[in-house]
Amino acid sequence: MNIILENNIQKSTAPERPVASHHSRQQRVRFVLLVVLGLNVAVAGAKIGMGLAIGSLAMSADGFHSLLDGASNIVALIALAVASRPPDPNHPYGHHRFETLTSLGIASFMMLALFGILQGAWSRLQSGGAPDVTSLSFAVMGATLAVNVFVTLWERRAGRQLNSSLLIADSRHTLTDIFVSLSVIGSLIAVWIGLNWADLVVSVIIAGAIGWGAWSIVRDASLSLSDVAVRKSREIEQAVLTVPGVMGTHNIRSRGAEGRVWIDLHIQVDPAMSVDQAHDIASNVARRVEDDFSRPADVTVHIEPADERHLRTERGYDPEHESR
């Protein structure tokens, strides 16, 4: 009969590493989203106000696009509250999937922005109007562009540090603001020198960038929701076999996303071992896998007795010699 030993990596005694605890991680992700929400609202107000003042449809549309960013931040905060709930009878593995589902919602906001940009470009082509460009309009766009760059870099860095698919997806969304702002600045310059067609060309390029960003989010979320392996079994096997006492490993499976990884594997040990000895080996395997992933992980280690072939050949082990 096999012995099944479950190890929760987050509660292991492994050395500290740069992955925050679950509660601390949720608090930091929430803080980042709240700051980004405030900046998005401020940027949106500046763009819409200046756009209305000079009659720039592009600036006004860019401002409403920033409001979409704020809306996605609110959705993300709501989803974060749900995803941080502990496991319950209906969700024994927790609610982490809701974070991935929310990233799909952000992709939907990006598609709405894409539609708005293309619609605005078509309207400009039909109307042929142009805004009254002033130096103040360039100053506002430059300042909001600097804010967007800061938000994108900061949010992406925080997402990687906290292993948050939500922050990484939202940083990609914010990245589209940079391209949109550049397209608006380009259109203002074009109007300044009389090249009104340049705005349409840049708008098409921006639409392609937004479409690619949305596709990347959908692709990553789909891979996570379909339980695609997050690491090759051979790589996990190599890490497990470095643990003393492990004579073999098989049935290695992994799934998850940036925020959480689940790993299930079987190890073979000396059948003459005590339960305590096997437990220690399994705990070392769990810690070794954690070292290999450097992220929160739930590892289930199934212990099996090694067969005669492993006892005689694995690492030169000879049971007859050991019994003497």
C-alpha atoms as a PDB file:
ATOM      1  CA  MET A   1       0.000   0.000   0.000  1.00  0.00           C
ATOM      2  CA  ASN A   2       1.372   3.409  -0.977  1.00  0.00           C
ATOM      3  CA  ILE A   3       1.884   6.140   1.586  1.00  0.00           C
ATOM      4  CA  ILE A   4       0.605   9.538   0.460  1.00  0.00           C
ATOM      5  CA  LEU A   5       2.221  12.546   2.047  1.00  0.00           C
ATOM      6  CA  GLU A   6       0.926  16.025   1.290  1.00  0.00           C
ATOM      7  CA  ASN A   7       3.186  19.050   1.696  1.00  0.00           C
ATOM      8  CA  ASN A   8       2.080  22.646   1.505  1.00  0.00           C
ATOM      9  CA  ILE A   9       5.148  24.538   0.330  1.00  0.00           C
ATOM     10  CA  GLN A  10       3.956  27.836   1.719  1.00  0.00           C
ATOM     11  CA  LYS A  11       4.114  26.347   5.222  1.00  0.00           C
ATOM     12  CA  SER A  12       7.451  24.576   4.792  1.00  0.00           C
ATOM     13  CA  THR A  13      10.562  25.355   6.770  1.00  0.00           C
ATOM     14  CA  ALA A  14      12.562  26.222   3.658  1.00  0.00           C
ATOM     15  CA  PRO A  15      14.818  29.302   3.796  1.00  0.00           C
ATOM     16  CA  GLU A  16      13.164  32.630   3.173  1.00  0.00           C
ATOM     17  CA  ARG A  17      12.929  33.761  -0.423  1.00  0.00           C
ATOM     18  CA  PRO A  18      11.497  36.790  -2.225  1.00  0.00           C
ATOM     19  CA  VAL A  19       7.955  35.374  -2.456  1.00  0.00           C
ATOM     20  CA  ALA A  20       5.534  37.100  -0.119  1.00  0.00           C
ATOM     21  CA  SER A  21       3.126  35.211   2.146  1.00  0.00           C
ATOM     22  CA  HIS A  22      -0.408  34.838   0.851  1.00  0.00           C
ATOM     23  CA  HIS A  23      -1.911  37.524   3.107  1.00  0.00           C
ATOM     24  CA  SER A  24       0.938  39.968   2.562  1.00  0.00           C
ATOM     25  CA  ARG A  25       0.829  39.338  -1.183  1.00  0.00           C
ATOM     26  CA  GLN A  26      -2.883  40.147  -1.375  1.00  0.00           C
ATOM     27  CA  GLN A  27      -2.385  43.369   0.579  1.00  0.00           C
ATOM     28  CA  ARG A  28       0.460  44.509  -1.670  1.00  0.00           C
ATOM     29  CA  VAL A  29      -1.442  43.686  -4.857  1.00  0.00           C
ATOM     30  CA  ARG A  30      -4.439  45.640  -3.523  1.00  0.00           C
ATOM     31  CA  PHE A  31      -2.219  48.620  -2.659  1.00  0.00           C
ATOM     32  CA  VAL A  32      -0.727  48.687  -6.162  1.00  0.00           C
ATOM     33  CA  LEU A  33      -4.180  48.570  -7.756  1.00  0.00           C
ATOM     34  CA  LEU A  34      -5.498  51.389  -5.571  1.00  0.00           C
ATOM     35  CA  VAL A  35      -2.561  53.655  -6.461  1.00  0.00           C
ATOM     36  CA  VAL A  36      -2.926  52.839 -10.162  1.00  0.00           C
ATOM     37  CA  LEU A  37      -6.673  53.528  -9.976  1.00  0.00           C
ATOM     38  CA  GLY A  38      -6.048  56.991  -8.528  1.00  0.00           C
ATOM     39  CA  LEU A  39      -3.453  57.808 -11.194  1.00  0.00           C
ATOM     40  CA  ASN A  40      -5.727  56.587 -13.995  1.00  0.00           C
ATOM     41  CA  VAL A  41      -8.586  58.795 -12.811  1.00  0.00           C
ATOM     42  CA  ALA A  42      -6.266  61.831 -12.598  1.00  0.00           C
ATOM     43  CA  VAL A  43      -4.835  61.156 -16.072  1.00  0.00           C
ATOM     44  CA  ALA A  44      -8.309  60.659 -17.534  1.00  0.00           C
ATOM     45  CA  GLY A  45      -9.543  63.953 -16.083  1.00  0.00           C
ATOM     46  CA  ALA A  46      -6.563  65.867 -17.511  1.00  0.00           C
ATOM     47  CA  LYS A  47      -6.966  64.394 -20.997  1.00  0.00           C
ATOM     48  CA  ILE A  48     -10.730  64.840 -21.188  1.00  0.00           C
ATOM     49  CA  GLY A  49     -10.571  68.391 -19.834  1.00  0.00           C
ATOM     50  CA  MET A  50      -7.886  69.474 -22.312  1.00  0.00           C
ATOM     51  CA  GLY A  51      -9.520  67.580 -25.157  1.00  0.00           C
ATOM     52  CA  LEU A  52     -12.798  69.416 -24.646  1.00  0.00           C
ATOM     53  CA  ALA A  53     -10.989  72.741 -24.280  1.00  0.00           C
ATOM     54  CA  ILE A  54      -9.156  72.535 -27.625  1.00  0.00           C
ATOM     55  CA  GLY A  55     -11.739  70.452 -29.452  1.00  0.00           C
ATOM     56  CA  SER A  56      -9.493  67.383 -29.812  1.00  0.00           C
ATOM     57  CA  LEU A  57     -11.461  64.200 -30.347  1.00  0.00           C
ATOM     58  CA  ALA A  58      -8.260  62.174 -30.005  1.00  0.00           C
ATOM     59  CA  MET A  59      -7.413  63.583 -26.557  1.00  0.00           C
ATOM     60  CA  SER A  60     -10.969  63.164 -25.337  1.00  0.00           C
ATOM     61  CA  ALA A  61     -11.074  59.590 -26.596  1.00  0.00           C
ATOM     62  CA  ASP A  62      -7.724  58.931 -24.941  1.00  0.00           C
ATOM     63  CA  GLY A  63      -9.164  60.268 -21.689  1.00  0.00           C
ATOM     64  CA  PHE A  64     -12.137  57.927 -21.873  1.00  0.00           C
ATOM     65  CA  HIS A  65      -9.695  55.120 -22.614  1.00  0.00           C
ATOM     66  CA  SER A  66      -7.941  55.976 -19.348  1.00  0.00           C
ATOM     67  CA  LEU A  67     -11.328  55.764 -17.626  1.00  0.00           C
ATOM     68  CA  LEU A  68     -11.578  52.228 -18.979  1.00  0.00           C
ATOM     69  CA  ASP A  69      -8.287  51.566 -17.226  1.00  0.00           C
ATOM     70  CA  GLY A  70      -9.828  52.795 -14.006  1.00  0.00           C
ATOM     71  CA  ALA A  71     -12.852  50.568 -14.555  1.00  0.00           C
ATOM     72  CA  SER A  72     -10.585  47.565 -15.061  1.00  0.00           C
ATOM     73  CA  ASN A  73      -8.794  48.464 -11.817  1.00  0.00           C
ATOM     74  CA  ILE A  74     -12.115  48.404  -9.970  1.00  0.00           C
ATOM     75  CA  VAL A  75     -12.978  45.018 -11.491  1.00  0.00           C
ATOM     76  CA  ALA A  76      -9.538  43.756 -10.492  1.00  0.00           C
ATOM     77  CA  LEU A  77      -9.996  44.912  -6.901  1.00  0.00           C
ATOM     78  CA  ILE A  78     -13.350  43.133  -6.696  1.00  0.00           C
ATOM     79  CA  ALA A  79     -11.868  39.948  -8.154  1.00  0.00           C
ATOM     80  CA  LEU A  80      -8.895  40.170  -5.795  1.00  0.00           C
ATOM     81  CA  ALA A  81     -11.229  40.166  -2.820  1.00  0.00           C
ATOM     82  CA  VAL A  82     -12.882  37.014  -4.166  1.00  0.00           C
ATOM     83  CA  ALA A  83      -9.614  35.292  -5.119  1.00  0.00           C
ATOM     84  CA  SER A  84      -8.173  35.825  -1.630  1.00  0.00           C
ATOM     85  CA  ARG A  85     -10.919  33.810   0.058  1.00  0.00           C
ATOM     86  CA  PRO A  86      -9.729  30.608   1.723  1.00  0.00           C
ATOM     87  CA  PRO A  87     -10.744  27.174   0.382  1.00  0.00           C
ATOM     88  CA  ASP A  88     -14.266  26.032   1.140  1.00  0.00           C
ATOM     89  CA  PRO A  89     -16.288  22.846   0.474  1.00  0.00           C
ATOM     90  CA  ASN A  90     -17.289  24.099  -2.977  1.00  0.00           C
ATOM     91  CA  HIS A  91     -13.788  25.360  -3.823  1.00  0.00           C
ATOM     92  CA  PRO A  92     -11.351  22.954  -2.096  1.00  0.00           C
ATOM     93  CA  TYR A  93      -8.423  24.325  -4.123  1.00  0.00           C
ATOM     94  CA  GLY A  94      -9.228  27.926  -3.232  1.00  0.00           C
ATOM     95  CA  HIS A  95     -10.447  30.793  -5.423  1.00  0.00           C
ATOM     96  CA  HIS A  96      -7.233  31.614  -7.295  1.00  0.00           C
ATOM     97  CA  ARG A  97      -8.867  30.975 -10.674  1.00  0.00           C
ATOM     98  CA  PHE A  98     -10.934  34.131 -10.256  1.00  0.00           C
ATOM     99  CA  GLU A  99      -7.750  36.167 -10.645  1.00  0.00           C
ATOM    100  CA  THR A 100      -7.134  34.522 -14.021  1.00  0.00           C
ATOM    101  CA  LEU A 101     -10.762  35.029 -15.032  1.00  0.00           C
ATOM    102  CA  THR A 102     -10.439  38.718 -14.190  1.00  0.00           C
ATOM    103  CA  SER A 103      -7.463  39.008 -16.518  1.00  0.00           C
ATOM    104  CA  LEU A 104      -9.861  37.932 -19.279  1.00  0.00           C
ATOM    105  CA  GLY A 105     -12.113  40.809 -18.235  1.00  0.00           C
ATOM    106  CA  ILE A 106      -9.183  43.193 -18.667  1.00  0.00           C
ATOM    107  CA  ALA A 107      -8.663  41.778 -22.166  1.00  0.00           C
ATOM    108  CA  SER A 108     -12.309  42.623 -22.873  1.00  0.00           C
ATOM    109  CA  PHE A 109     -11.693  46.234 -21.821  1.00  0.00           C
ATOM    110  CA  MET A 110      -8.730  46.323 -24.182  1.00  0.00           C
ATOM    111  CA  MET A 111     -10.933  45.136 -27.044  1.00  0.00           C
ATOM    112  CA  LEU A 112     -13.403  47.909 -26.229  1.00  0.00           C
ATOM    113  CA  ALA A 113     -10.546  50.406 -26.406  1.00  0.00           C
ATOM    114  CA  LEU A 114      -9.493  48.919 -29.738  1.00  0.00           C
ATOM    115  CA  PHE A 115     -12.993  49.374 -31.094  1.00  0.00           C
ATOM    116  CA  GLY A 116     -13.109  52.968 -29.833  1.00  0.00           C
ATOM    117  CA  ILE A 117      -9.802  53.860 -31.494  1.00  0.00           C
ATOM    118  CA  LEU A 118     -10.842  52.403 -34.840  1.00  0.00           C
ATOM    119  CA  GLN A 119     -14.215  54.121 -34.630  1.00  0.00           C
ATOM    120  CA  GLY A 120     -12.545  57.441 -33.820  1.00  0.00           C
ATOM    121  CA  ALA A 121     -10.141  57.028 -36.749  1.00  0.00           C
ATOM    122  CA  TRP A 122     -13.022  56.336 -39.098  1.00  0.00           C
ATOM    123  CA  SER A 123     -14.959  59.354 -37.839  1.00  0.00           C
ATOM    124  CA  ARG A 124     -11.928  61.592 -38.307  1.00  0.00           C
ATOM    125  CA  LEU A 125     -11.520  60.268 -41.855  1.00  0.00           C
ATOM    126  CA  GLN A 126     -15.143  61.081 -42.610  1.00  0.00           C
ATOM    127  CA  SER A 127     -15.247  64.502 -40.944  1.00  0.00           C
ATOM    128  CA  GLY A 128     -11.753  65.717 -41.749  1.00  0.00           C
ATOM    129  CA  GLY A 129     -11.748  68.020 -38.710  1.00  0.00           C
ATOM    130  CA  ALA A 130      -8.673  69.062 -36.744  1.00  0.00           C
ATOM    131  CA  PRO A 131      -8.162  70.320 -33.174  1.00  0.00           C
ATOM    132  CA  ASP A 132      -6.771  73.700 -32.172  1.00  0.00           C
ATOM    133  CA  VAL A 133      -3.291  72.599 -31.114  1.00  0.00           C
ATOM    134  CA  THR A 134      -1.597  74.617 -28.353  1.00  0.00           C
ATOM    135  CA  SER A 135       1.605  74.263 -26.359  1.00  0.00           C
ATOM    136  CA  LEU A 136      -0.479  73.451 -23.291  1.00  0.00           C
ATOM    137  CA  SER A 137      -1.959  70.432 -25.066  1.00  0.00           C
ATOM    138  CA  PHE A 138       1.563  69.064 -25.622  1.00  0.00           C
ATOM    139  CA  ALA A 139       2.423  69.694 -21.966  1.00  0.00           C
ATOM    140  CA  VAL A 140      -0.653  67.793 -20.764  1.00  0.00           C
ATOM    141  CA  MET A 141       0.039  64.857 -23.082  1.00  0.00           C
ATOM    142  CA  GLY A 142       3.690  64.777 -22.044  1.00  0.00           C
ATOM    143  CA  ALA A 143       2.822  64.732 -18.348  1.00  0.00           C
ATOM    144  CA  THR A 144       0.180  62.036 -18.711  1.00  0.00           C
ATOM    145  CA  LEU A 145       2.553  59.994 -20.872  1.00  0.00           C
ATOM    146  CA  ALA A 146       5.173  60.121 -18.109  1.00  0.00           C
ATOM    147  CA  VAL A 147       2.573  58.920 -15.594  1.00  0.00           C
ATOM    148  CA  ASN A 148       1.576  56.033 -17.860  1.00  0.00           C
ATOM    149  CA  VAL A 149       5.193  54.955 -18.288  1.00  0.00           C
ATOM    150  CA  PHE A 150       5.711  55.003 -14.519  1.00  0.00           C
ATOM    151  CA  VAL A 151       2.506  53.039 -13.891  1.00  0.00           C
ATOM    152  CA  THR A 152       3.349  50.408 -16.504  1.00  0.00           C
ATOM    153  CA  LEU A 153       6.880  49.778 -15.253  1.00  0.00           C
ATOM    154  CA  TRP A 154       5.933  49.852 -11.577  1.00  0.00           C
ATOM    155  CA  GLU A 155       2.896  47.610 -11.994  1.00  0.00           C
ATOM    156  CA  ARG A 156       4.739  45.092 -14.161  1.00  0.00           C
ATOM    157  CA  ARG A 157       7.614  44.929 -11.677  1.00  0.00           C
ATOM    158  CA  ALA A 158       5.210  44.485  -8.774  1.00  0.00           C
ATOM    159  CA  GLY A 159       3.352  41.789 -10.718  1.00  0.00           C
ATOM    160  CA  ARG A 160       6.540  39.800 -11.234  1.00  0.00           C
ATOM    161  CA  GLN A 161       7.686  40.225  -7.642  1.00  0.00           C
ATOM    162  CA  LEU A 162       4.292  39.178  -6.287  1.00  0.00           C
ATOM    163  CA  ASN A 163       3.649  36.530  -8.971  1.00  0.00           C
ATOM    164  CA  SER A 164       0.324  38.193  -9.791  1.00  0.00           C
ATOM    165  CA  SER A 165      -1.210  37.462 -13.185  1.00  0.00           C
ATOM    166  CA  LEU A 166      -3.693  40.230 -12.385  1.00  0.00           C
ATOM    167  CA  LEU A 167      -1.045  42.962 -12.091  1.00  0.00           C
ATOM    168  CA  ILE A 168       0.885  41.695 -15.099  1.00  0.00           C
ATOM    169  CA  ALA A 169      -2.267  41.687 -17.232  1.00  0.00           C
ATOM    170  CA  ASP A 170      -3.228  45.163 -16.021  1.00  0.00           C
ATOM    171  CA  SER A 171       0.273  46.458 -16.777  1.00  0.00           C
ATOM    172  CA  ARG A 172      -0.169  45.249 -20.349  1.00  0.00           C
ATOM    173  CA  HIS A 173      -3.422  47.159 -20.459  1.00  0.00           C
ATOM    174  CA  THR A 174      -1.715  50.271 -19.126  1.00  0.00           C
ATOM    175  CA  LEU A 175       1.010  49.779 -21.728  1.00  0.00           C
ATOM    176  CA  THR A 176      -1.601  50.423 -24.404  1.00  0.00           C
ATOM    177  CA  ASP A 177      -2.117  53.876 -22.874  1.00  0.00           C
ATOM    178  CA  ILE A 178       1.473  54.726 -23.742  1.00  0.00           C
ATOM    179  CA  PHE A 179       0.917  53.847 -27.395  1.00  0.00           C
ATOM    180  CA  VAL A 180      -2.405  55.645 -27.463  1.00  0.00           C
ATOM    181  CA  SER A 181      -0.826  58.764 -25.938  1.00  0.00           C
ATOM    182  CA  LEU A 182       1.998  58.605 -28.469  1.00  0.00           C
ATOM    183  CA  SER A 183      -0.548  58.380 -31.255  1.00  0.00           C
ATOM    184  CA  VAL A 184      -2.336  61.453 -29.885  1.00  0.00           C
ATOM    185  CA  ILE A 185       0.938  63.379 -29.653  1.00  0.00           C
ATOM    186  CA  GLY A 186       1.711  62.260 -33.186  1.00  0.00           C
ATOM    187  CA  SER A 187      -1.650  63.478 -34.384  1.00  0.00           C
ATOM    188  CA  LEU A 188      -1.114  66.845 -32.678  1.00  0.00           C
ATOM    189  CA  ILE A 189       2.261  67.220 -34.362  1.00  0.00           C
ATOM    190  CA  ALA A 190       0.731  66.193 -37.678  1.00  0.00           C
ATOM    191  CA  VAL A 191      -1.989  68.793 -37.307  1.00  0.00           C
ATOM    192  CA  TRP A 192       0.664  71.356 -36.338  1.00  0.00           C
ATOM    193  CA  ILE A 193       2.543  70.807 -39.628  1.00  0.00           C
ATOM    194  CA  GLY A 194      -0.505  70.038 -41.754  1.00  0.00           C
ATOM    195  CA  LEU A 195      -0.167  66.237 -42.138  1.00  0.00           C
ATOM    196  CA  ASN A 196      -3.583  65.160 -40.949  1.00  0.00           C
ATOM    197  CA  TRP A 197      -3.284  61.671 -42.533  1.00  0.00           C
ATOM    198  CA  ALA A 198      -0.506  60.669 -40.092  1.00  0.00           C
ATOM    199  CA  ASP A 199      -3.019  60.366 -37.265  1.00  0.00           C
ATOM    200  CA  LEU A 200      -4.883  57.622 -39.136  1.00  0.00           C
ATOM    201  CA  VAL A 201      -1.690  55.662 -39.831  1.00  0.00           C
ATOM    202  CA  VAL A 202      -0.592  55.810 -36.193  1.00  0.00           C
ATOM    203  CA  SER A 203      -4.094  54.835 -35.043  1.00  0.00           C
ATOM    204  CA  VAL A 204      -3.940  51.635 -37.087  1.00  0.00           C
ATOM    205  CA  ILE A 205      -0.541  50.788 -35.597  1.00  0.00           C
ATOM    206  CA  ILE A 206      -1.901  51.393 -32.103  1.00  0.00           C
ATOM    207  CA  ALA A 207      -4.921  49.226 -32.824  1.00  0.00           C
ATOM    208  CA  GLY A 208      -2.589  46.385 -33.772  1.00  0.00           C
ATOM    209  CA  ALA A 209      -0.569  46.788 -30.558  1.00  0.00           C
ATOM    210  CA  ILE A 210      -3.721  46.749 -28.418  1.00  0.00           C
ATOM    211  CA  GLY A 211      -5.039  43.700 -30.271  1.00  0.00           C
ATOM    212  CA  TRP A 212      -1.778  41.843 -29.678  1.00  0.00           C
ATOM    213  CA  GLY A 213      -1.797  42.732 -25.965  1.00  0.00           C
ATOM    214  CA  ALA A 214      -5.364  41.466 -25.579  1.00  0.00           C
ATOM    215  CA  TRP A 215      -4.493  38.255 -27.415  1.00  0.00           C
ATOM    216  CA  SER A 216      -1.485  37.695 -25.129  1.00  0.00           C
ATOM    217  CA  ILE A 217      -3.685  37.961 -22.039  1.00  0.00           C
ATOM    218  CA  VAL A 218      -6.303  35.595 -23.486  1.00  0.00           C
ATOM    219  CA  ARG A 219      -3.585  33.129 -24.484  1.00  0.00           C
ATOM    220  CA  ASP A 220      -1.942  33.092 -21.037  1.00  0.00           C
ATOM    221  CA  ALA A 221      -5.282  32.804 -19.242  1.00  0.00           C
ATOM    222  CA  SER A 222      -6.392  29.985 -21.546  1.00  0.00           C
ATOM    223  CA  LEU A 223      -3.196  28.048 -20.868  1.00  0.00           C
ATOM    224  CA  SER A 224      -3.756  28.414 -17.125  1.00  0.00           C
ATOM    225  CA  LEU A 225      -7.439  27.481 -17.195  1.00  0.00           C
ATOM    226  CA  SER A 226      -6.760  24.442 -19.390  1.00  0.00           C
ATOM    227  CA  ASP A 227      -4.160  23.164 -16.884  1.00  0.00           C
ATOM    228  CA  VAL A 228      -1.195  23.253 -19.231  1.00  0.00           C
ATOM    229  CA  ALA A 229       1.977  22.058 -17.504  1.00  0.00           C
ATOM    230  CA  VAL A 230       3.894  25.003 -16.031  1.00  0.00           C
ATOM    231  CA  ARG A 231       7.216  23.149 -16.111  1.00  0.00           C
ATOM    232  CA  LYS A 232       8.549  20.177 -18.067  1.00  0.00           C
ATOM    233  CA  SER A 233       8.371  16.940 -16.096  1.00  0.00           C
ATOM    234  CA  ARG A 234      12.010  16.228 -16.895  1.00  0.00           C
ATOM    235  CA  GLU A 235      13.112  19.448 -15.182  1.00  0.00           C
ATOM    236  CA  ILE A 236      11.154  18.593 -12.027  1.00  0.00           C
ATOM    237  CA  GLU A 237      12.517  15.055 -12.117  1.00  0.00           C
ATOM    238  CA  GLN A 238      16.100  16.305 -12.210  1.00  0.00           C
ATOM    239  CA  ALA A 239      15.450  18.460  -9.144  1.00  0.00           C
ATOM    240  CA  VAL A 240      13.739  15.642  -7.213  1.00  0.00           C
ATOM    241  CA  LEU A 241      16.499  13.125  -7.917  1.00  0.00           C
ATOM    242  CA  THR A 242      19.047  15.397  -6.222  1.00  0.00           C
ATOM    243  CA  VAL A 243      17.371  14.727  -2.851  1.00  0.00           C
ATOM    244  CA  PRO A 244      19.181  12.010  -0.856  1.00  0.00           C
ATOM    245  CA  GLY A 245      17.049   8.907  -0.339  1.00  0.00           C
ATOM    246  CA  VAL A 246      14.985   9.317  -3.523  1.00  0.00           C
ATOM    247  CA  MET A 247      15.578   6.278  -5.747  1.00  0.00           C
ATOM    248  CA  GLY A 248      13.161   7.235  -8.495  1.00  0.00           C
ATOM    249  CA  THR A 249      10.293   9.516  -9.423  1.00  0.00           C
ATOM    250  CA  HIS A 250       7.443   9.357 -11.914  1.00  0.00           C
ATOM    251  CA  ASN A 251       3.860  10.497 -12.583  1.00  0.00           C
ATOM    252  CA  ILE A 252       4.972  14.124 -12.364  1.00  0.00           C
ATOM    253  CA  ARG A 253       2.216  16.636 -13.069  1.00  0.00           C
ATOM    254  CA  SER A 254       2.070  20.414 -12.741  1.00  0.00           C
ATOM    255  CA  ARG A 255      -0.432  23.165 -13.413  1.00  0.00           C
ATOM    256  CA  GLY A 256      -1.197  26.707 -12.365  1.00  0.00           C
ATOM    257  CA  ALA A 257      -0.249  30.290 -13.216  1.00  0.00           C
ATOM    258  CA  GLU A 258       1.976  33.087 -11.924  1.00  0.00           C
ATOM    259  CA  GLY A 259       0.254  33.289  -8.552  1.00  0.00           C
ATOM    260  CA  ARG A 260       0.044  29.596  -7.641  1.00  0.00           C
ATOM    261  CA  VAL A 261       1.466  26.259  -8.820  1.00  0.00           C
ATOM    262  CA  TRP A 262       0.180  22.763  -8.065  1.00  0.00           C
ATOM    263  CA  ILE A 263       2.556  19.805  -8.399  1.00  0.00           C
ATOM    264  CA  ASP A 264       1.796  16.137  -7.967  1.00  0.00           C
ATOM    265  CA  LEU A 265       4.527  13.491  -8.103  1.00  0.00           C
ATOM    266  CA  HIS A 266       5.511  10.015  -6.945  1.00  0.00           C
ATOM    267  CA  ILE A 267       8.852   9.144  -5.362  1.00  0.00           C
ATOM    268  CA  GLN A 268      10.352   5.724  -4.635  1.00  0.00           C
ATOM    269  CA  VAL A 269      12.257   5.074  -1.410  1.00  0.00           C
ATOM    270  CA  ASP A 270      13.726   2.111   0.433  1.00  0.00           C
ATOM    271  CA  PRO A 271      10.765  -0.039   1.613  1.00  0.00           C
ATOM    272  CA  ALA A 272      12.664  -0.803   4.822  1.00  0.00           C
ATOM    273  CA  MET A 273      12.509   2.838   5.862  1.00  0.00           C
ATOM    274  CA  SER A 274      10.358   3.989   8.733  1.00  0.00           C
ATOM    275  CA  VAL A 275       7.437   6.326   8.122  1.00  0.00           C
ATOM    276  CA  ASP A 276       9.349   9.154   9.805  1.00  0.00           C
ATOM    277  CA  GLN A 277      12.327   8.684   7.488  1.00  0.00           C
ATOM    278  CA  ALA A 278      10.080   8.636   4.426  1.00  0.00           C
ATOM    279  CA  HIS A 279       8.331  11.747   5.722  1.00  0.00           C
ATOM    280  CA  ASP A 280      11.646  13.586   6.033  1.00  0.00           C
ATOM    281  CA  ILE A 281      12.622  12.639   2.478  1.00  0.00           C
ATOM    282  CA  ALA A 282       9.257  13.789   1.132  1.00  0.00           C
ATOM    283  CA  SER A 283       9.591  17.096   3.008  1.00  0.00           C
ATOM    284  CA  ASN A 284      13.033  17.591   1.481  1.00  0.00           C
ATOM    285  CA  VAL A 285      11.587  16.861  -1.955  1.00  0.00           C
ATOM    286  CA  ALA A 286       8.894  19.489  -1.359  1.00  0.00           C
ATOM    287  CA  ARG A 287      11.477  22.070  -0.323  1.00  0.00           C
ATOM    288  CA  ARG A 288      13.682  21.219  -3.295  1.00  0.00           C
ATOM    289  CA  VAL A 289      10.775  21.733  -5.682  1.00  0.00           C
ATOM    290  CA  GLU A 290      10.038  25.048  -4.008  1.00  0.00           C
ATOM    291  CA  ASP A 291      13.646  26.094  -4.557  1.00  0.00           C
ATOM    292  CA  ASP A 292      13.322  25.138  -8.206  1.00  0.00           C
ATOM    293  CA  PHE A 293      10.130  27.152  -8.774  1.00  0.00           C
ATOM    294  CA  SER A 294      10.803  30.112  -6.437  1.00  0.00           C
ATOM    295  CA  ARG A 295       7.078  30.771  -6.196  1.00  0.00           C
ATOM    296  CA  PRO A 296       4.130  29.655  -4.004  1.00  0.00           C
ATOM    297  CA  ALA A 297       3.374  26.001  -4.714  1.00  0.00           C
ATOM    298  CA  ASP A 298       1.174  23.205  -3.367  1.00  0.00           C
ATOM    299  CA  VAL A 299       3.054  19.921  -3.710  1.00  0.00           C
ATOM    300  CA  THR A 300       1.601  16.451  -3.173  1.00  0.00           C
ATOM    301  CA  VAL A 301       4.267  13.773  -2.778  1.00  0.00           C
ATOM    302  CA  HIS A 302       3.188  10.131  -3.124  1.00  0.00           C
ATOM    303  CA  ILE A 303       5.644   7.730  -1.495  1.00  0.00           C
ATOM    304  CA  GLU A 304       6.150   4.275  -2.990  1.00  0.00           C
ATOM    305  CA  PRO A 305       8.501   1.404  -2.079  1.00  0.00           C
ATOM    306  CA  ALA A 306      11.330   1.020  -4.563  1.00  0.00           C
ATOM    307  CA  ASP A 307      11.348  -2.267  -6.460  1.00  0.00           C
ATOM    308  CA  GLU A 308      14.288  -4.664  -6.595  1.00  0.00           C
ATOM    309  CA  ARG A 309      15.633  -3.098  -9.782  1.00  0.00           C
ATOM    310  CA  HIS A 310      15.901   0.306  -8.107  1.00  0.00           C
ATOM    311  CA  LEU A 311      17.333  -1.195  -4.938  1.00  0.00           C
ATOM    312  CA  ARG A 312      20.122  -2.920  -6.862  1.00  0.00           C
ATOM    313  CA  THR A 313      20.918  -0.320  -9.533  1.00  0.00           C
ATOM    314  CA  GLU A 314      19.844   3.135  -8.349  1.00  0.00           C
ATOM    315  CA  ARG A 315      23.008   4.997  -7.336  1.00  0.00           C
ATOM    316  CA  GLY A 316      24.824   1.735  -6.752  1.00  0.00           C
ATOM    317  CA  TYR A 317      22.605   0.753  -3.813  1.00  0.00           C
ATOM    318  CA  ASP A 318      23.008  -2.909  -2.684  1.00  0.00           C
ATOM    319  CA  PRO A 319      20.472  -4.077  -0.064  1.00  0.00           C
ATOM    320  CA  GLU A 320      22.515  -7.182   0.766  1.00  0.00           C
ATOM    321  CA  HIS A 321      25.564  -5.013   1.473  1.00  0.00           C
ATOM    322  CA  GLU A 322      23.517  -2.613   3.623  1.00  0.00           C
ATOM    323  CA  SER A 323      22.115  -5.515   5.679  1.00  0.00           C
ATOM    324  CA  ARG A 324      25.601  -6.690   6.659  1.00  0.00           C
END
